[in-house]
N, C-alpha and C. Protein backbone atom coordinates (compact mmCIF):
# COMPACT_ATOMS: atom_id res chain seq x y z
N MET A 1 -62.42 30.97 193.63
CA MET A 1 -62.35 32.09 192.69
C MET A 1 -60.91 32.36 192.25
N LEU A 2 -59.98 32.24 193.20
CA LEU A 2 -58.57 32.46 192.86
C LEU A 2 -58.08 31.35 191.93
N ALA A 3 -58.45 30.12 192.23
CA ALA A 3 -58.02 29.01 191.38
C ALA A 3 -58.61 29.14 189.97
N ARG A 4 -59.87 29.52 189.89
CA ARG A 4 -60.49 29.71 188.58
C ARG A 4 -59.84 30.85 187.82
N ALA A 5 -59.49 31.92 188.54
CA ALA A 5 -58.82 33.05 187.91
C ALA A 5 -57.47 32.62 187.33
N LEU A 6 -56.76 31.80 188.06
CA LEU A 6 -55.48 31.30 187.55
C LEU A 6 -55.68 30.46 186.29
N GLU A 7 -56.73 29.65 186.29
CA GLU A 7 -57.04 28.87 185.09
C GLU A 7 -57.34 29.79 183.91
N ARG A 8 -58.09 30.84 184.17
CA ARG A 8 -58.43 31.78 183.11
C ARG A 8 -57.20 32.52 182.59
N CYS A 9 -56.15 32.52 183.39
CA CYS A 9 -54.89 33.14 182.97
C CYS A 9 -53.96 32.12 182.29
N GLY A 10 -54.50 30.92 182.04
CA GLY A 10 -53.73 29.92 181.32
C GLY A 10 -52.88 29.00 182.17
N ARG A 11 -53.08 29.02 183.48
CA ARG A 11 -52.30 28.17 184.36
C ARG A 11 -53.03 26.84 184.59
N ARG A 12 -52.25 25.80 184.83
CA ARG A 12 -52.83 24.50 185.20
C ARG A 12 -52.99 24.50 186.71
N VAL A 13 -54.21 24.29 187.17
CA VAL A 13 -54.52 24.45 188.59
C VAL A 13 -55.24 23.22 189.13
N GLU A 14 -54.94 22.88 190.36
CA GLU A 14 -55.65 21.81 191.05
C GLU A 14 -55.93 22.26 192.48
N LEU A 15 -57.16 22.02 192.94
CA LEU A 15 -57.54 22.34 194.31
C LEU A 15 -57.39 21.09 195.17
N CYS A 16 -56.76 21.24 196.33
CA CYS A 16 -56.59 20.12 197.24
C CYS A 16 -57.14 20.46 198.61
N THR A 17 -57.74 19.48 199.25
CA THR A 17 -58.21 19.64 200.62
C THR A 17 -58.26 18.26 201.25
N ASP A 18 -58.73 18.17 202.50
CA ASP A 18 -58.83 16.86 203.13
C ASP A 18 -60.20 16.24 202.83
N SER A 19 -60.37 14.99 203.23
CA SER A 19 -61.59 14.26 202.87
C SER A 19 -62.84 14.84 203.53
N LEU A 20 -62.70 15.43 204.73
CA LEU A 20 -63.86 16.01 205.39
C LEU A 20 -64.35 17.26 204.68
N CYS A 21 -63.43 18.06 204.18
CA CYS A 21 -63.79 19.31 203.49
C CYS A 21 -64.08 19.10 202.01
N PHE A 22 -63.69 17.94 201.48
CA PHE A 22 -63.81 17.69 200.05
C PHE A 22 -65.21 17.93 199.49
N PRO A 23 -66.29 17.39 200.10
CA PRO A 23 -67.62 17.58 199.50
C PRO A 23 -68.01 19.04 199.37
N VAL A 24 -67.63 19.86 200.35
CA VAL A 24 -67.99 21.27 200.33
C VAL A 24 -67.20 22.02 199.27
N LEU A 25 -65.88 21.80 199.24
CA LEU A 25 -65.05 22.50 198.25
C LEU A 25 -65.40 22.06 196.84
N GLU A 26 -65.66 20.77 196.67
CA GLU A 26 -66.00 20.26 195.34
C GLU A 26 -67.31 20.86 194.85
N ALA A 27 -68.29 20.96 195.74
CA ALA A 27 -69.58 21.54 195.37
C ALA A 27 -69.44 23.02 195.03
N CYS A 28 -68.63 23.72 195.80
CA CYS A 28 -68.42 25.15 195.56
C CYS A 28 -67.72 25.38 194.23
N SER A 29 -66.68 24.61 193.96
CA SER A 29 -65.94 24.79 192.71
C SER A 29 -66.79 24.43 191.51
N ARG A 30 -67.59 23.40 191.65
CA ARG A 30 -68.48 23.00 190.55
C ARG A 30 -69.51 24.09 190.26
N ALA A 31 -70.04 24.70 191.32
CA ALA A 31 -71.04 25.75 191.16
C ALA A 31 -70.47 26.97 190.45
N ALA A 32 -69.17 27.19 190.59
CA ALA A 32 -68.53 28.36 189.99
C ALA A 32 -67.76 28.03 188.72
N GLY A 33 -67.84 26.79 188.27
CA GLY A 33 -67.08 26.40 187.08
C GLY A 33 -65.59 26.42 187.33
N GLY A 34 -65.19 26.06 188.55
CA GLY A 34 -63.78 26.09 188.92
C GLY A 34 -63.05 24.80 188.63
N PRO A 35 -61.79 24.71 189.07
CA PRO A 35 -60.96 23.53 188.80
C PRO A 35 -61.44 22.30 189.56
N LYS A 36 -60.92 21.16 189.17
CA LYS A 36 -61.25 19.92 189.87
C LYS A 36 -60.64 19.95 191.26
N VAL A 37 -61.19 19.15 192.14
CA VAL A 37 -60.75 19.11 193.54
C VAL A 37 -60.26 17.71 193.85
N ARG A 38 -59.18 17.64 194.61
CA ARG A 38 -58.62 16.35 195.00
C ARG A 38 -58.46 16.30 196.51
N ALA A 39 -58.78 15.16 197.11
CA ALA A 39 -58.60 14.98 198.54
C ALA A 39 -57.20 14.44 198.81
N ALA A 40 -56.57 14.96 199.86
CA ALA A 40 -55.22 14.53 200.22
C ALA A 40 -55.16 14.31 201.72
N VAL A 41 -54.21 13.49 202.15
CA VAL A 41 -54.05 13.23 203.58
C VAL A 41 -52.71 13.74 204.11
N SER A 42 -51.86 14.22 203.18
CA SER A 42 -50.55 14.71 203.61
C SER A 42 -50.05 15.77 202.64
N GLY A 43 -49.06 16.52 203.09
CA GLY A 43 -48.46 17.52 202.23
C GLY A 43 -47.76 16.91 201.04
N GLU A 44 -47.20 15.72 201.26
CA GLU A 44 -46.50 15.04 200.17
C GLU A 44 -47.43 14.75 199.00
N GLU A 45 -48.68 14.41 199.29
CA GLU A 45 -49.65 14.14 198.23
C GLU A 45 -49.93 15.39 197.41
N ILE A 46 -49.94 16.54 198.05
CA ILE A 46 -50.19 17.79 197.33
C ILE A 46 -49.06 18.09 196.36
N LEU A 47 -47.85 17.70 196.73
CA LEU A 47 -46.67 18.05 195.94
C LEU A 47 -46.30 16.99 194.91
N VAL A 48 -47.12 15.95 194.77
CA VAL A 48 -46.75 14.84 193.90
C VAL A 48 -46.58 15.26 192.44
N ASP A 49 -47.29 16.29 192.00
CA ASP A 49 -47.19 16.73 190.61
C ASP A 49 -46.18 17.86 190.41
N SER A 50 -45.34 18.10 191.42
CA SER A 50 -44.27 19.11 191.34
C SER A 50 -44.79 20.48 190.91
N PRO A 51 -45.64 21.11 191.71
CA PRO A 51 -46.18 22.43 191.35
C PRO A 51 -45.10 23.50 191.35
N SER A 52 -45.33 24.53 190.56
CA SER A 52 -44.39 25.66 190.53
C SER A 52 -44.77 26.71 191.58
N LEU A 53 -45.97 26.62 192.12
CA LEU A 53 -46.44 27.51 193.17
C LEU A 53 -47.48 26.77 194.00
N VAL A 54 -47.39 26.93 195.32
CA VAL A 54 -48.37 26.33 196.22
C VAL A 54 -49.09 27.46 196.95
N VAL A 55 -50.41 27.45 196.90
CA VAL A 55 -51.21 28.49 197.53
C VAL A 55 -52.07 27.87 198.63
N PHE A 56 -52.04 28.47 199.80
CA PHE A 56 -52.90 28.05 200.91
C PHE A 56 -53.86 29.19 201.22
N LEU A 57 -55.13 28.87 201.35
CA LEU A 57 -56.12 29.87 201.72
C LEU A 57 -56.99 29.29 202.83
N GLU A 58 -56.91 29.92 204.03
CA GLU A 58 -57.72 29.51 205.18
C GLU A 58 -57.50 28.04 205.51
N ARG A 59 -56.24 27.61 205.51
CA ARG A 59 -55.92 26.24 205.91
C ARG A 59 -55.15 26.27 207.23
N LEU A 60 -55.59 25.47 208.19
CA LEU A 60 -54.93 25.46 209.48
C LEU A 60 -53.45 25.10 209.35
N GLY A 61 -52.62 25.84 210.10
CA GLY A 61 -51.20 25.54 210.20
C GLY A 61 -50.90 25.09 211.62
N ARG A 62 -49.93 24.22 211.76
CA ARG A 62 -49.63 23.67 213.08
C ARG A 62 -49.10 24.74 214.03
N ALA A 63 -49.45 24.59 215.30
CA ALA A 63 -48.96 25.50 216.34
C ALA A 63 -47.59 25.02 216.82
N SER A 64 -47.01 25.72 217.77
CA SER A 64 -45.67 25.39 218.23
C SER A 64 -45.59 24.01 218.87
N ASP A 65 -46.72 23.49 219.36
CA ASP A 65 -46.74 22.15 219.95
C ASP A 65 -47.07 21.06 218.93
N GLY A 66 -47.18 21.46 217.65
CA GLY A 66 -47.47 20.49 216.60
C GLY A 66 -48.94 20.17 216.43
N ARG A 67 -49.79 20.78 217.24
CA ARG A 67 -51.23 20.55 217.18
C ARG A 67 -51.91 21.60 216.30
N TYR A 68 -53.19 21.37 216.00
CA TYR A 68 -53.98 22.30 215.20
C TYR A 68 -55.15 22.81 216.03
N TYR A 69 -55.36 24.13 216.00
CA TYR A 69 -56.40 24.74 216.81
C TYR A 69 -57.31 25.62 215.94
N ASN A 70 -58.61 25.61 216.29
CA ASN A 70 -59.51 26.50 215.58
C ASN A 70 -59.56 27.86 216.27
N MET A 71 -60.42 28.76 215.79
CA MET A 71 -60.45 30.11 216.33
C MET A 71 -60.99 30.16 217.76
N ARG A 72 -61.64 29.09 218.20
CA ARG A 72 -62.14 29.04 219.57
C ARG A 72 -61.11 28.47 220.53
N GLY A 73 -59.93 28.15 220.00
CA GLY A 73 -58.89 27.58 220.83
C GLY A 73 -59.06 26.10 221.07
N GLU A 74 -59.95 25.46 220.31
CA GLU A 74 -60.20 24.03 220.47
C GLU A 74 -59.17 23.23 219.66
N ASP A 75 -58.67 22.18 220.24
CA ASP A 75 -57.73 21.29 219.56
C ASP A 75 -58.50 20.43 218.56
N VAL A 76 -58.26 20.66 217.28
CA VAL A 76 -58.97 19.91 216.23
C VAL A 76 -58.01 19.04 215.43
N SER A 77 -56.91 18.66 216.07
CA SER A 77 -55.88 17.88 215.39
C SER A 77 -56.40 16.54 214.87
N ALA A 78 -57.33 15.94 215.61
CA ALA A 78 -57.84 14.62 215.23
C ALA A 78 -58.56 14.65 213.89
N SER A 79 -59.08 15.81 213.50
CA SER A 79 -59.82 15.91 212.24
C SER A 79 -59.11 16.83 211.24
N THR A 80 -57.82 17.07 211.45
CA THR A 80 -57.08 17.98 210.58
C THR A 80 -55.82 17.31 210.04
N PRO A 81 -55.89 16.69 208.87
CA PRO A 81 -54.69 16.11 208.28
C PRO A 81 -53.62 17.19 208.08
N PRO A 82 -52.35 16.83 208.21
CA PRO A 82 -51.25 17.82 208.17
C PRO A 82 -50.91 18.30 206.77
N LEU A 83 -51.88 18.90 206.10
CA LEU A 83 -51.63 19.38 204.73
C LEU A 83 -50.67 20.56 204.69
N ASP A 84 -50.50 21.23 205.84
CA ASP A 84 -49.55 22.35 205.86
C ASP A 84 -48.11 21.87 205.66
N GLY A 85 -47.93 20.56 205.73
CA GLY A 85 -46.61 20.01 205.44
C GLY A 85 -46.15 20.35 204.04
N ALA A 86 -47.11 20.60 203.14
CA ALA A 86 -46.74 20.99 201.76
C ALA A 86 -46.05 22.34 201.75
N ALA A 87 -46.42 23.22 202.66
CA ALA A 87 -45.75 24.52 202.74
C ALA A 87 -44.34 24.35 203.27
N ILE A 88 -44.18 23.54 204.29
CA ILE A 88 -42.87 23.31 204.89
C ILE A 88 -41.91 22.70 203.88
N GLU A 89 -42.37 21.66 203.18
CA GLU A 89 -41.51 20.99 202.21
C GLU A 89 -41.24 21.86 200.99
N SER A 90 -42.23 22.64 200.60
CA SER A 90 -42.04 23.52 199.44
C SER A 90 -40.96 24.56 199.72
N LEU A 91 -41.00 25.15 200.89
CA LEU A 91 -39.99 26.16 201.24
C LEU A 91 -38.59 25.53 201.28
N LYS A 92 -38.52 24.31 201.77
CA LYS A 92 -37.23 23.62 201.79
C LYS A 92 -36.72 23.37 200.37
N GLY A 93 -37.65 23.08 199.45
CA GLY A 93 -37.28 22.74 198.08
C GLY A 93 -37.24 23.91 197.13
N GLY A 94 -37.45 25.12 197.62
CA GLY A 94 -37.37 26.31 196.77
C GLY A 94 -38.63 26.59 195.98
N ILE A 95 -39.74 25.95 196.33
CA ILE A 95 -41.02 26.23 195.67
C ILE A 95 -41.71 27.34 196.43
N PRO A 96 -42.09 28.42 195.77
CA PRO A 96 -42.75 29.53 196.48
C PRO A 96 -44.11 29.14 197.04
N VAL A 97 -44.41 29.69 198.20
CA VAL A 97 -45.68 29.43 198.87
C VAL A 97 -46.37 30.76 199.15
N LEU A 98 -47.60 30.88 198.68
CA LEU A 98 -48.44 32.05 198.95
C LEU A 98 -49.54 31.60 199.89
N ALA A 99 -49.77 32.36 200.97
CA ALA A 99 -50.77 31.95 201.96
C ALA A 99 -51.65 33.12 202.36
N VAL A 100 -52.92 32.80 202.58
CA VAL A 100 -53.91 33.80 203.00
C VAL A 100 -54.57 33.30 204.29
N GLY A 101 -54.66 34.18 205.28
CA GLY A 101 -55.30 33.81 206.53
C GLY A 101 -55.94 35.00 207.21
N ASP A 102 -56.83 34.73 208.17
CA ASP A 102 -57.52 35.83 208.83
C ASP A 102 -57.58 35.72 210.35
N GLY A 103 -56.98 34.66 210.90
CA GLY A 103 -57.10 34.49 212.34
C GLY A 103 -55.81 34.28 213.10
N GLY A 104 -54.73 33.96 212.37
CA GLY A 104 -53.45 33.71 213.02
C GLY A 104 -53.13 32.24 213.17
N ASN A 105 -54.13 31.38 212.97
CA ASN A 105 -53.92 29.93 213.11
C ASN A 105 -53.77 29.23 211.77
N GLU A 106 -53.61 30.00 210.70
CA GLU A 106 -53.54 29.41 209.36
C GLU A 106 -52.10 29.34 208.82
N VAL A 107 -51.94 28.52 207.80
CA VAL A 107 -50.67 28.46 207.08
C VAL A 107 -50.27 29.87 206.63
N GLY A 108 -49.02 30.21 206.84
CA GLY A 108 -48.50 31.52 206.45
C GLY A 108 -48.48 32.53 207.56
N MET A 109 -49.39 32.35 208.53
CA MET A 109 -49.44 33.31 209.63
C MET A 109 -48.26 33.16 210.58
N GLY A 110 -47.48 32.10 210.38
CA GLY A 110 -46.23 31.96 211.12
C GLY A 110 -45.27 33.11 210.80
N ASN A 111 -45.45 33.74 209.65
CA ASN A 111 -44.64 34.91 209.29
C ASN A 111 -44.82 36.05 210.28
N PHE A 112 -46.00 36.09 210.90
CA PHE A 112 -46.34 37.20 211.80
C PHE A 112 -46.52 36.74 213.24
N ARG A 113 -45.99 35.58 213.57
CA ARG A 113 -46.30 35.00 214.87
C ARG A 113 -45.90 35.90 216.03
N GLU A 114 -44.74 36.50 215.96
CA GLU A 114 -44.28 37.37 217.06
C GLU A 114 -45.25 38.52 217.28
N GLU A 115 -45.66 39.16 216.18
CA GLU A 115 -46.58 40.29 216.30
C GLU A 115 -47.96 39.83 216.77
N LEU A 116 -48.41 38.67 216.27
CA LEU A 116 -49.72 38.16 216.65
C LEU A 116 -49.74 37.75 218.12
N ALA A 117 -48.64 37.17 218.60
CA ALA A 117 -48.56 36.76 220.00
C ALA A 117 -48.66 37.98 220.91
N GLU A 118 -48.09 39.07 220.47
CA GLU A 118 -48.16 40.31 221.25
C GLU A 118 -49.58 40.88 221.24
N ALA A 119 -50.24 40.78 220.08
CA ALA A 119 -51.59 41.34 219.94
C ALA A 119 -52.64 40.43 220.57
N LEU A 120 -52.39 39.10 220.57
CA LEU A 120 -53.36 38.13 221.05
C LEU A 120 -52.72 37.21 222.10
N PRO A 121 -52.33 37.76 223.24
CA PRO A 121 -51.60 36.96 224.24
C PRO A 121 -52.37 35.74 224.73
N GLY A 122 -53.69 35.82 224.77
CA GLY A 122 -54.47 34.68 225.23
C GLY A 122 -54.62 33.57 224.21
N TYR A 123 -54.16 33.83 223.00
CA TYR A 123 -54.34 32.87 221.91
C TYR A 123 -52.99 32.35 221.40
N THR A 124 -51.92 32.72 222.07
CA THR A 124 -50.57 32.44 221.58
C THR A 124 -50.33 30.97 221.31
N ARG A 125 -50.79 30.09 222.18
CA ARG A 125 -50.52 28.66 221.98
C ARG A 125 -51.18 28.11 220.73
N CYS A 126 -52.20 28.80 220.21
CA CYS A 126 -52.94 28.33 219.05
C CYS A 126 -52.40 28.89 217.73
N LEU A 127 -51.53 29.87 217.81
CA LEU A 127 -51.02 30.53 216.60
C LEU A 127 -50.18 29.58 215.76
N SER A 128 -50.32 29.70 214.47
CA SER A 128 -49.56 28.87 213.54
C SER A 128 -48.09 29.28 213.50
N VAL A 129 -47.23 28.28 213.37
CA VAL A 129 -45.81 28.56 213.16
C VAL A 129 -45.41 28.26 211.72
N THR A 130 -46.36 27.79 210.91
CA THR A 130 -46.09 27.44 209.51
C THR A 130 -45.97 28.71 208.68
N LYS A 131 -44.84 28.86 208.00
CA LYS A 131 -44.56 30.08 207.26
C LYS A 131 -44.81 29.92 205.76
N ALA A 132 -44.73 31.04 205.05
CA ALA A 132 -44.91 31.07 203.59
C ALA A 132 -43.91 32.05 203.00
N SER A 133 -43.69 31.95 201.70
CA SER A 133 -42.83 32.93 201.02
C SER A 133 -43.46 34.30 201.11
N VAL A 134 -44.77 34.35 200.87
CA VAL A 134 -45.56 35.58 200.98
C VAL A 134 -46.84 35.23 201.71
N ALA A 135 -47.16 35.99 202.75
CA ALA A 135 -48.39 35.76 203.50
C ALA A 135 -49.25 37.01 203.48
N LEU A 136 -50.54 36.80 203.28
CA LEU A 136 -51.49 37.90 203.21
C LEU A 136 -52.49 37.76 204.35
N ALA A 137 -52.43 38.70 205.29
CA ALA A 137 -53.37 38.71 206.42
C ALA A 137 -54.54 39.62 206.08
N VAL A 138 -55.74 39.09 206.17
CA VAL A 138 -56.94 39.83 205.76
C VAL A 138 -58.03 39.70 206.81
N ASP A 139 -59.10 40.48 206.66
CA ASP A 139 -60.23 40.40 207.59
C ASP A 139 -60.99 39.09 207.43
N VAL A 140 -61.21 38.67 206.20
CA VAL A 140 -61.88 37.41 205.88
C VAL A 140 -61.09 36.77 204.75
N SER A 141 -60.70 35.52 204.93
CA SER A 141 -59.83 34.88 203.94
C SER A 141 -60.42 34.89 202.54
N ASP A 142 -61.74 34.71 202.43
CA ASP A 142 -62.38 34.76 201.11
C ASP A 142 -62.01 36.04 200.37
N TRP A 143 -62.01 37.14 201.11
CA TRP A 143 -61.74 38.43 200.49
C TRP A 143 -60.31 38.51 199.96
N GLY A 144 -59.39 37.84 200.63
CA GLY A 144 -58.03 37.79 200.13
C GLY A 144 -57.95 37.08 198.79
N GLY A 145 -58.73 35.98 198.66
CA GLY A 145 -58.78 35.28 197.39
C GLY A 145 -59.38 36.13 196.29
N TYR A 146 -60.44 36.85 196.62
CA TYR A 146 -61.06 37.74 195.64
C TYR A 146 -60.08 38.84 195.21
N ALA A 147 -59.33 39.38 196.18
CA ALA A 147 -58.39 40.46 195.88
C ALA A 147 -57.25 39.98 194.99
N LEU A 148 -56.74 38.79 195.25
CA LEU A 148 -55.67 38.25 194.41
C LEU A 148 -56.17 37.97 192.99
N ALA A 149 -57.42 37.53 192.87
CA ALA A 149 -58.00 37.34 191.54
C ALA A 149 -58.13 38.68 190.81
N ALA A 150 -58.44 39.73 191.58
CA ALA A 150 -58.52 41.06 190.98
C ALA A 150 -57.16 41.51 190.46
N LEU A 151 -56.09 41.21 191.20
CA LEU A 151 -54.75 41.57 190.74
C LEU A 151 -54.39 40.81 189.46
N LEU A 152 -54.79 39.55 189.38
CA LEU A 152 -54.55 38.79 188.16
C LEU A 152 -55.28 39.42 186.98
N SER A 153 -56.44 40.00 187.25
CA SER A 153 -57.21 40.65 186.19
C SER A 153 -56.43 41.81 185.59
N LEU A 154 -55.71 42.54 186.42
CA LEU A 154 -54.90 43.66 185.93
C LEU A 154 -53.88 43.17 184.91
N GLY A 155 -53.25 42.05 185.21
CA GLY A 155 -52.25 41.53 184.29
C GLY A 155 -52.84 41.01 183.00
N GLU A 156 -54.08 40.51 183.08
CA GLU A 156 -54.73 39.94 181.90
C GLU A 156 -55.40 40.99 181.03
N GLY A 157 -55.74 42.12 181.62
CA GLY A 157 -56.44 43.16 180.87
C GLY A 157 -57.94 42.92 180.77
N ASN A 158 -58.43 41.93 181.47
CA ASN A 158 -59.87 41.67 181.54
C ASN A 158 -60.17 41.00 182.87
N TRP A 159 -61.42 41.09 183.30
CA TRP A 159 -61.80 40.60 184.62
C TRP A 159 -61.85 39.08 184.64
N VAL A 160 -61.07 38.48 185.53
CA VAL A 160 -61.05 37.03 185.67
C VAL A 160 -61.52 36.59 187.06
N GLY A 161 -61.97 37.56 187.86
CA GLY A 161 -62.37 37.27 189.23
C GLY A 161 -63.84 36.92 189.38
N ALA A 162 -64.32 37.06 190.62
CA ALA A 162 -65.69 36.69 190.95
C ALA A 162 -66.68 37.74 190.47
N GLU A 163 -67.89 37.28 190.19
CA GLU A 163 -69.01 38.17 189.92
C GLU A 163 -69.91 38.19 191.15
N GLU A 164 -70.59 39.29 191.35
CA GLU A 164 -71.46 39.41 192.53
C GLU A 164 -72.48 38.28 192.60
N SER A 165 -73.06 37.93 191.48
CA SER A 165 -74.11 36.91 191.46
C SER A 165 -73.59 35.52 191.85
N GLU A 166 -72.29 35.31 191.73
CA GLU A 166 -71.73 34.00 192.02
C GLU A 166 -71.57 33.72 193.51
N ILE A 167 -71.56 34.76 194.32
CA ILE A 167 -71.37 34.57 195.76
C ILE A 167 -72.51 33.72 196.33
N ALA A 168 -73.75 34.07 196.01
CA ALA A 168 -74.89 33.32 196.51
C ALA A 168 -74.87 31.88 195.98
N GLN A 169 -74.49 31.70 194.73
CA GLN A 169 -74.44 30.36 194.15
C GLN A 169 -73.44 29.48 194.88
N MET A 170 -72.27 30.03 195.18
CA MET A 170 -71.24 29.25 195.86
C MET A 170 -71.66 28.91 197.28
N LEU A 171 -72.21 29.89 197.99
CA LEU A 171 -72.63 29.64 199.37
C LEU A 171 -73.76 28.62 199.44
N ALA A 172 -74.69 28.71 198.52
CA ALA A 172 -75.80 27.74 198.49
C ALA A 172 -75.28 26.33 198.25
N ALA A 173 -74.31 26.21 197.35
CA ALA A 173 -73.73 24.89 197.06
C ALA A 173 -73.00 24.33 198.27
N GLN A 174 -72.31 25.19 198.99
CA GLN A 174 -71.59 24.74 200.19
C GLN A 174 -72.56 24.30 201.28
N ILE A 175 -73.62 25.07 201.47
CA ILE A 175 -74.61 24.71 202.49
C ILE A 175 -75.26 23.37 202.15
N ASP A 176 -75.61 23.18 200.89
CA ASP A 176 -76.21 21.92 200.46
C ASP A 176 -75.27 20.74 200.71
N ALA A 177 -73.96 21.03 200.67
CA ALA A 177 -72.97 19.97 200.88
C ALA A 177 -72.64 19.77 202.35
N GLY A 178 -73.28 20.57 203.22
CA GLY A 178 -73.10 20.36 204.65
C GLY A 178 -72.30 21.40 205.40
N ALA A 179 -71.91 22.48 204.74
CA ALA A 179 -71.07 23.50 205.39
C ALA A 179 -71.88 24.36 206.35
N VAL A 180 -71.18 24.90 207.35
CA VAL A 180 -71.77 25.87 208.26
C VAL A 180 -70.83 27.07 208.35
N ASP A 181 -71.36 28.20 208.76
CA ASP A 181 -70.54 29.39 208.99
C ASP A 181 -69.57 29.11 210.13
N GLY A 182 -68.31 29.45 209.93
CA GLY A 182 -67.30 29.16 210.94
C GLY A 182 -67.49 29.91 212.24
N VAL A 183 -68.17 31.04 212.20
CA VAL A 183 -68.40 31.84 213.41
C VAL A 183 -69.71 31.44 214.10
N THR A 184 -70.78 31.39 213.32
CA THR A 184 -72.10 31.11 213.91
C THR A 184 -72.39 29.62 214.04
N ARG A 185 -71.66 28.82 213.26
CA ARG A 185 -71.88 27.37 213.20
C ARG A 185 -73.29 27.02 212.72
N LYS A 186 -73.88 27.91 211.95
CA LYS A 186 -75.22 27.69 211.41
C LYS A 186 -75.16 27.49 209.90
N LYS A 187 -76.08 26.72 209.38
CA LYS A 187 -76.17 26.50 207.93
C LYS A 187 -76.93 27.67 207.33
N GLN A 188 -76.20 28.73 207.05
CA GLN A 188 -76.81 29.93 206.50
C GLN A 188 -75.82 30.58 205.53
N PRO A 189 -76.31 31.38 204.57
CA PRO A 189 -75.45 31.97 203.53
C PRO A 189 -74.62 33.15 204.04
N THR A 190 -73.75 32.85 205.00
CA THR A 190 -72.85 33.86 205.55
C THR A 190 -71.45 33.27 205.65
N VAL A 191 -70.45 34.15 205.72
CA VAL A 191 -69.07 33.72 205.93
C VAL A 191 -68.51 34.56 207.06
N ASP A 192 -68.06 33.88 208.12
CA ASP A 192 -67.54 34.56 209.31
C ASP A 192 -68.54 35.59 209.85
N GLY A 193 -69.82 35.26 209.72
CA GLY A 193 -70.86 36.13 210.24
C GLY A 193 -71.29 37.24 209.31
N PHE A 194 -70.59 37.43 208.20
CA PHE A 194 -70.93 38.48 207.24
C PHE A 194 -71.91 37.94 206.20
N GLY A 195 -72.98 38.71 205.95
CA GLY A 195 -74.00 38.29 205.01
C GLY A 195 -73.63 38.50 203.56
N LEU A 196 -74.51 38.05 202.69
CA LEU A 196 -74.28 38.10 201.25
C LEU A 196 -73.96 39.51 200.75
N ASP A 197 -74.70 40.49 201.24
CA ASP A 197 -74.51 41.85 200.75
C ASP A 197 -73.09 42.35 201.00
N VAL A 198 -72.52 41.99 202.13
CA VAL A 198 -71.16 42.43 202.44
C VAL A 198 -70.16 41.82 201.46
N HIS A 199 -70.31 40.54 201.18
CA HIS A 199 -69.39 39.87 200.26
C HIS A 199 -69.56 40.38 198.83
N ARG A 200 -70.79 40.67 198.46
CA ARG A 200 -71.02 41.25 197.14
C ARG A 200 -70.37 42.62 197.04
N ASP A 201 -70.46 43.40 198.11
CA ASP A 201 -69.86 44.73 198.12
C ASP A 201 -68.34 44.64 197.96
N VAL A 202 -67.74 43.64 198.58
CA VAL A 202 -66.29 43.46 198.45
C VAL A 202 -65.92 43.18 197.00
N VAL A 203 -66.65 42.27 196.37
CA VAL A 203 -66.39 41.94 194.96
C VAL A 203 -66.60 43.16 194.08
N ARG A 204 -67.67 43.90 194.32
CA ARG A 204 -67.95 45.09 193.53
C ARG A 204 -66.84 46.13 193.70
N SER A 205 -66.41 46.33 194.92
CA SER A 205 -65.37 47.32 195.19
C SER A 205 -64.05 46.95 194.53
N LEU A 206 -63.72 45.67 194.56
CA LEU A 206 -62.48 45.22 193.93
C LEU A 206 -62.53 45.43 192.41
N LYS A 207 -63.67 45.12 191.83
CA LYS A 207 -63.82 45.27 190.39
C LYS A 207 -63.72 46.74 189.99
N GLU A 208 -64.32 47.60 190.78
CA GLU A 208 -64.26 49.04 190.52
C GLU A 208 -62.82 49.54 190.72
N ALA A 209 -62.11 48.98 191.70
CA ALA A 209 -60.76 49.43 191.99
C ALA A 209 -59.79 49.16 190.84
N VAL A 210 -60.04 48.07 190.12
CA VAL A 210 -59.16 47.74 188.98
C VAL A 210 -59.78 48.18 187.67
N SER A 211 -60.84 49.01 187.76
CA SER A 211 -61.44 49.69 186.60
C SER A 211 -62.06 48.76 185.58
N PHE A 212 -62.75 47.71 186.07
CA PHE A 212 -63.54 46.87 185.17
C PHE A 212 -65.01 47.11 185.49
N PRO A 213 -65.87 47.17 184.49
CA PRO A 213 -67.30 47.44 184.74
C PRO A 213 -67.91 46.31 185.56
N THR A 214 -68.81 46.68 186.46
CA THR A 214 -69.46 45.67 187.30
C THR A 214 -70.61 45.03 186.55
N ARG A 215 -70.91 43.79 186.98
CA ARG A 215 -72.04 43.07 186.39
C ARG A 215 -72.72 42.31 187.52
N ALA A 216 -73.99 42.56 187.72
CA ALA A 216 -74.71 41.94 188.83
C ALA A 216 -74.88 40.44 188.60
C-alpha cells in the first residue's frame, strides 16, 4: 500500500524481497494494483538503480552476532538473505533509509536497541542492530505502512492509501500464494493474530484522521 501510494504521488517505485517471499509479495501487489516486485539476494542488488530513498517494512535486520532471528528467538539466518545490507550501505552513501518494524528484530529497530534491550531482556540477543535514518516502531508493521500512505495523502490532497475492501483481497492473494500468519502460523486471513475487521478499522480510522471520506 505504501509503495502504491508513492506511485500515485508520481514516484518511481520498485518492491524488492528475497526469493522465498517473492511469490507472496508479488501476489499481494498484483491484487492491489501495486508496483512490480523483484527478488534480490543482497543489499547491493537493491541499490543497483541508485534509489533516492530506501524503505524497509517488516524486514529482518541482523543481530549483534550477525545472525537473523524471528520473534520466537529462532535462528532463521539460513533462509534470510542479507537484504538489510542495503540499509547499511545506503547510510554510508548518504541515501536516506526509512524503516518500519513491530518486534525489535527488524531493519531500523537498531535505532532503539538500547531501550528495547532494557524492555525485553530475554530477547536482547535477537534484537536488530541495523539502523535507519528514520525508524517507525508500531504495533503491527502493516499499520505503519498504511499510516505513511495516509500522510502522503495529506500532501497530495486526495486519498492515495488503502481502501477497507482491499485488505481482504490482499490477504486472500497472500494465502493463495502460500503465506501464513506470523503469529499463528496458520493459513488464515489474519496478520499477527488480528482479524480482518481490526485491519479495516485501522484503515478507516486513518482515512477519517486525514479527513477523507471513507469507502467500503
